[in-house]
Amino acid sequence: MGRKSTPGRNQYTQAEKRKVWMKAMPLDGHPPDIWRRDAFGNVINWQEYGNPVSKYGWEIISDNPGSDAMGAMEHLQPIHCRQNNT
């Protein structure tokens, strides 16, 4: 599956980031508005959005980078920063 980071930490509104965040899996025993797991099982933290040096940093990627609708909400996914850079 091809992945592409969507540019710009401030590109998304808080509401858009929240919609993407909700696609991640809740982390058992932790508040789901703060802690979740990405599609690969990596733990991510809401406050660490866009922080590539954080152990829990995450970003928004498109799971369909070749599409004309790259920014379409249905193609956006939360992913750990380190996962996307490996």
N, C-alpha and C. Protein backbone atom coordinates (compact mmCIF):
# COMPACT_ATOMS: atom_id res chain seq x y z
N MET A 1 0.85 -1.17 0.00
CA MET A 1 0.00 0.00 0.00
C MET A 1 0.89 1.23 0.00
N GLY A 2 0.76 2.11 -0.97
CA GLY A 2 1.54 3.33 -1.01
C GLY A 2 1.03 4.33 0.01
N ARG A 3 1.96 5.09 0.60
CA ARG A 3 1.57 6.07 1.59
C ARG A 3 2.28 7.37 1.29
N LYS A 4 1.60 8.45 1.55
CA LYS A 4 2.23 9.74 1.38
C LYS A 4 1.79 10.65 2.50
N SER A 5 2.77 11.29 3.13
CA SER A 5 2.44 12.26 4.16
C SER A 5 1.72 13.41 3.51
N THR A 6 0.76 13.93 4.21
CA THR A 6 0.10 15.13 3.73
C THR A 6 0.83 16.31 4.33
N PRO A 7 1.23 17.28 3.52
CA PRO A 7 2.11 18.34 3.98
C PRO A 7 1.44 19.31 4.94
N GLY A 8 2.24 19.88 5.83
CA GLY A 8 1.78 20.96 6.67
C GLY A 8 1.06 20.55 7.94
N ARG A 9 1.73 20.75 9.06
CA ARG A 9 1.15 20.41 10.36
C ARG A 9 -0.16 21.13 10.58
N ASN A 10 -0.32 22.34 10.10
CA ASN A 10 -1.51 23.13 10.34
C ASN A 10 -2.48 23.09 9.16
N GLN A 11 -2.31 22.13 8.29
CA GLN A 11 -3.16 22.02 7.11
C GLN A 11 -4.59 21.65 7.48
N TYR A 12 -4.77 20.97 8.57
CA TYR A 12 -6.08 20.45 8.96
C TYR A 12 -6.67 21.22 10.13
N THR A 13 -7.97 21.37 10.13
CA THR A 13 -8.65 21.96 11.27
C THR A 13 -8.65 20.95 12.41
N GLN A 14 -8.95 21.41 13.61
CA GLN A 14 -9.04 20.49 14.75
C GLN A 14 -10.12 19.44 14.50
N ALA A 15 -11.23 19.84 13.89
CA ALA A 15 -12.32 18.89 13.60
C ALA A 15 -11.87 17.82 12.60
N GLU A 16 -11.11 18.22 11.58
CA GLU A 16 -10.60 17.26 10.60
C GLU A 16 -9.60 16.30 11.24
N LYS A 17 -8.70 16.84 12.06
CA LYS A 17 -7.74 15.98 12.75
C LYS A 17 -8.47 14.99 13.65
N ARG A 18 -9.51 15.45 14.32
CA ARG A 18 -10.28 14.58 15.22
C ARG A 18 -10.94 13.45 14.44
N LYS A 19 -11.48 13.74 13.25
CA LYS A 19 -12.10 12.69 12.42
C LYS A 19 -11.08 11.64 12.02
N VAL A 20 -9.89 12.08 11.66
CA VAL A 20 -8.83 11.14 11.29
C VAL A 20 -8.39 10.36 12.53
N TRP A 21 -8.22 11.05 13.65
CA TRP A 21 -7.82 10.42 14.91
C TRP A 21 -8.76 9.28 15.28
N MET A 22 -10.06 9.49 15.06
CA MET A 22 -11.06 8.49 15.43
C MET A 22 -10.93 7.20 14.61
N LYS A 23 -10.18 7.23 13.52
CA LYS A 23 -9.95 6.03 12.72
C LYS A 23 -8.94 5.09 13.38
N ALA A 24 -8.13 5.63 14.29
CA ALA A 24 -7.16 4.80 15.01
C ALA A 24 -7.90 3.99 16.08
N MET A 25 -7.28 2.87 16.47
CA MET A 25 -7.89 1.97 17.44
C MET A 25 -7.68 2.46 18.87
N PRO A 26 -8.72 2.42 19.71
CA PRO A 26 -8.54 2.79 21.11
C PRO A 26 -7.51 1.89 21.78
N LEU A 27 -6.81 2.44 22.73
CA LEU A 27 -5.80 1.70 23.49
C LEU A 27 -6.43 1.29 24.81
N ASP A 28 -6.58 0.01 25.03
CA ASP A 28 -7.24 -0.51 26.23
C ASP A 28 -6.66 0.11 27.50
N GLY A 29 -7.57 0.54 28.37
CA GLY A 29 -7.16 1.08 29.66
C GLY A 29 -6.71 2.52 29.65
N HIS A 30 -6.80 3.19 28.49
CA HIS A 30 -6.36 4.59 28.37
C HIS A 30 -7.45 5.42 27.73
N PRO A 31 -7.52 6.72 28.05
CA PRO A 31 -8.55 7.58 27.46
C PRO A 31 -8.38 7.64 25.93
N PRO A 32 -9.43 7.29 25.17
CA PRO A 32 -9.32 7.25 23.71
C PRO A 32 -9.17 8.62 23.06
N ASP A 33 -9.45 9.68 23.79
CA ASP A 33 -9.24 11.01 23.21
C ASP A 33 -7.78 11.44 23.30
N ILE A 34 -6.96 10.67 24.03
CA ILE A 34 -5.54 10.99 24.18
C ILE A 34 -4.63 9.91 23.60
N TRP A 35 -5.00 8.64 23.80
CA TRP A 35 -4.16 7.52 23.37
C TRP A 35 -4.89 6.61 22.41
N ARG A 36 -4.22 6.20 21.34
CA ARG A 36 -4.76 5.24 20.38
C ARG A 36 -3.62 4.47 19.75
N ARG A 37 -3.99 3.51 18.89
CA ARG A 37 -3.02 2.74 18.10
C ARG A 37 -3.30 2.99 16.62
N ASP A 38 -2.25 3.15 15.84
CA ASP A 38 -2.43 3.29 14.40
C ASP A 38 -2.69 1.92 13.78
N ALA A 39 -2.83 1.86 12.49
CA ALA A 39 -3.16 0.61 11.80
C ALA A 39 -2.08 -0.46 11.96
N PHE A 40 -0.87 -0.07 12.35
CA PHE A 40 0.23 -1.00 12.52
C PHE A 40 0.43 -1.39 13.98
N GLY A 41 -0.44 -0.88 14.86
CA GLY A 41 -0.35 -1.19 16.28
C GLY A 41 0.55 -0.27 17.07
N ASN A 42 1.11 0.75 16.43
CA ASN A 42 1.96 1.71 17.13
C ASN A 42 1.11 2.63 18.01
N VAL A 43 1.57 2.90 19.21
CA VAL A 43 0.86 3.78 20.13
C VAL A 43 1.11 5.23 19.72
N ILE A 44 0.03 6.01 19.64
CA ILE A 44 0.12 7.43 19.29
C ILE A 44 -0.63 8.25 20.33
N ASN A 45 -0.20 9.50 20.48
CA ASN A 45 -0.77 10.41 21.47
C ASN A 45 -1.29 11.65 20.76
N TRP A 46 -2.53 12.02 21.07
CA TRP A 46 -3.18 13.15 20.40
C TRP A 46 -2.31 14.41 20.41
N GLN A 47 -1.70 14.72 21.54
CA GLN A 47 -0.91 15.94 21.69
C GLN A 47 0.40 15.91 20.91
N GLU A 48 0.80 14.76 20.43
CA GLU A 48 2.07 14.62 19.71
C GLU A 48 1.90 14.68 18.20
N TYR A 49 0.77 15.18 17.73
CA TYR A 49 0.55 15.32 16.28
C TYR A 49 1.66 16.15 15.65
N GLY A 50 2.24 15.63 14.59
CA GLY A 50 3.27 16.35 13.85
C GLY A 50 4.64 16.39 14.51
N ASN A 51 4.85 15.62 15.55
CA ASN A 51 6.12 15.63 16.27
C ASN A 51 6.92 14.36 15.91
N PRO A 52 7.80 14.44 14.92
CA PRO A 52 8.51 13.24 14.47
C PRO A 52 9.56 12.71 15.44
N VAL A 53 9.94 13.49 16.44
CA VAL A 53 10.94 13.01 17.40
C VAL A 53 10.30 12.40 18.64
N SER A 54 9.00 12.51 18.76
CA SER A 54 8.31 11.95 19.92
C SER A 54 8.13 10.45 19.76
N LYS A 55 8.21 9.74 20.87
CA LYS A 55 7.97 8.31 20.88
C LYS A 55 6.53 7.99 20.44
N TYR A 56 5.63 8.96 20.59
CA TYR A 56 4.22 8.74 20.27
C TYR A 56 3.71 9.70 19.20
N GLY A 57 4.63 10.31 18.44
CA GLY A 57 4.25 11.27 17.40
C GLY A 57 3.49 10.61 16.27
N TRP A 58 2.57 11.36 15.68
CA TRP A 58 1.78 10.83 14.57
C TRP A 58 1.54 11.92 13.53
N GLU A 59 1.15 11.47 12.38
CA GLU A 59 0.84 12.39 11.29
C GLU A 59 -0.33 11.82 10.50
N ILE A 60 -0.80 12.61 9.58
CA ILE A 60 -1.91 12.19 8.74
C ILE A 60 -1.34 11.85 7.36
N ILE A 61 -1.70 10.67 6.89
CA ILE A 61 -1.23 10.23 5.57
C ILE A 61 -2.44 9.87 4.71
N SER A 62 -2.19 9.81 3.42
CA SER A 62 -3.21 9.34 2.48
C SER A 62 -2.91 7.90 2.13
N ASP A 63 -3.92 7.04 2.20
CA ASP A 63 -3.71 5.64 1.82
C ASP A 63 -3.96 5.43 0.33
N ASN A 64 -4.17 6.53 -0.39
CA ASN A 64 -4.39 6.47 -1.83
C ASN A 64 -3.70 7.67 -2.47
N PRO A 65 -2.34 7.72 -2.41
CA PRO A 65 -1.61 8.91 -2.85
C PRO A 65 -1.72 9.20 -4.34
N GLY A 66 -2.07 8.23 -5.15
CA GLY A 66 -2.20 8.47 -6.59
C GLY A 66 -3.53 9.07 -6.99
N SER A 67 -4.43 9.16 -6.05
CA SER A 67 -5.77 9.65 -6.34
C SER A 67 -5.79 11.16 -6.50
N ASP A 68 -6.68 11.63 -7.36
CA ASP A 68 -6.88 13.07 -7.49
C ASP A 68 -7.46 13.66 -6.21
N ALA A 69 -8.12 12.82 -5.44
CA ALA A 69 -8.75 13.26 -4.21
C ALA A 69 -7.89 12.90 -3.01
N MET A 70 -6.58 13.17 -3.11
CA MET A 70 -5.66 12.76 -2.06
C MET A 70 -6.08 13.23 -0.68
N GLY A 71 -6.63 14.42 -0.62
CA GLY A 71 -7.01 14.96 0.68
C GLY A 71 -8.39 14.54 1.13
N ALA A 72 -9.08 13.71 0.35
CA ALA A 72 -10.43 13.30 0.73
C ALA A 72 -10.38 12.54 2.06
N MET A 73 -11.30 12.89 2.94
CA MET A 73 -11.29 12.34 4.30
C MET A 73 -11.24 10.81 4.32
N GLU A 74 -11.91 10.15 3.40
CA GLU A 74 -11.93 8.68 3.45
C GLU A 74 -10.56 8.07 3.17
N HIS A 75 -9.64 8.83 2.59
CA HIS A 75 -8.30 8.32 2.30
C HIS A 75 -7.28 8.71 3.36
N LEU A 76 -7.67 9.51 4.32
CA LEU A 76 -6.72 9.96 5.33
C LEU A 76 -6.70 9.02 6.52
N GLN A 77 -5.48 8.75 7.02
CA GLN A 77 -5.29 7.83 8.13
C GLN A 77 -4.27 8.40 9.12
N PRO A 78 -4.45 8.13 10.41
CA PRO A 78 -3.42 8.51 11.38
C PRO A 78 -2.34 7.43 11.39
N ILE A 79 -1.09 7.85 11.41
CA ILE A 79 0.00 6.88 11.43
C ILE A 79 1.16 7.44 12.25
N HIS A 80 1.83 6.56 12.97
CA HIS A 80 2.99 6.94 13.77
C HIS A 80 4.04 7.54 12.84
N CYS A 81 4.67 8.62 13.24
CA CYS A 81 5.67 9.29 12.39
C CYS A 81 6.80 8.36 11.99
N ARG A 82 7.26 7.55 12.89
CA ARG A 82 8.38 6.64 12.58
C ARG A 82 7.96 5.54 11.60
N GLN A 83 6.71 5.10 11.66
CA GLN A 83 6.22 4.08 10.75
C GLN A 83 6.26 4.59 9.30
N ASN A 84 5.88 5.84 9.12
CA ASN A 84 5.82 6.40 7.77
C ASN A 84 7.20 6.70 7.22
N ASN A 85 8.20 6.82 8.08
CA ASN A 85 9.55 7.17 7.63
C ASN A 85 10.47 5.96 7.52
N THR A 86 9.91 4.76 7.66
CA THR A 86 10.76 3.57 7.58
C THR A 86 10.67 2.93 6.22
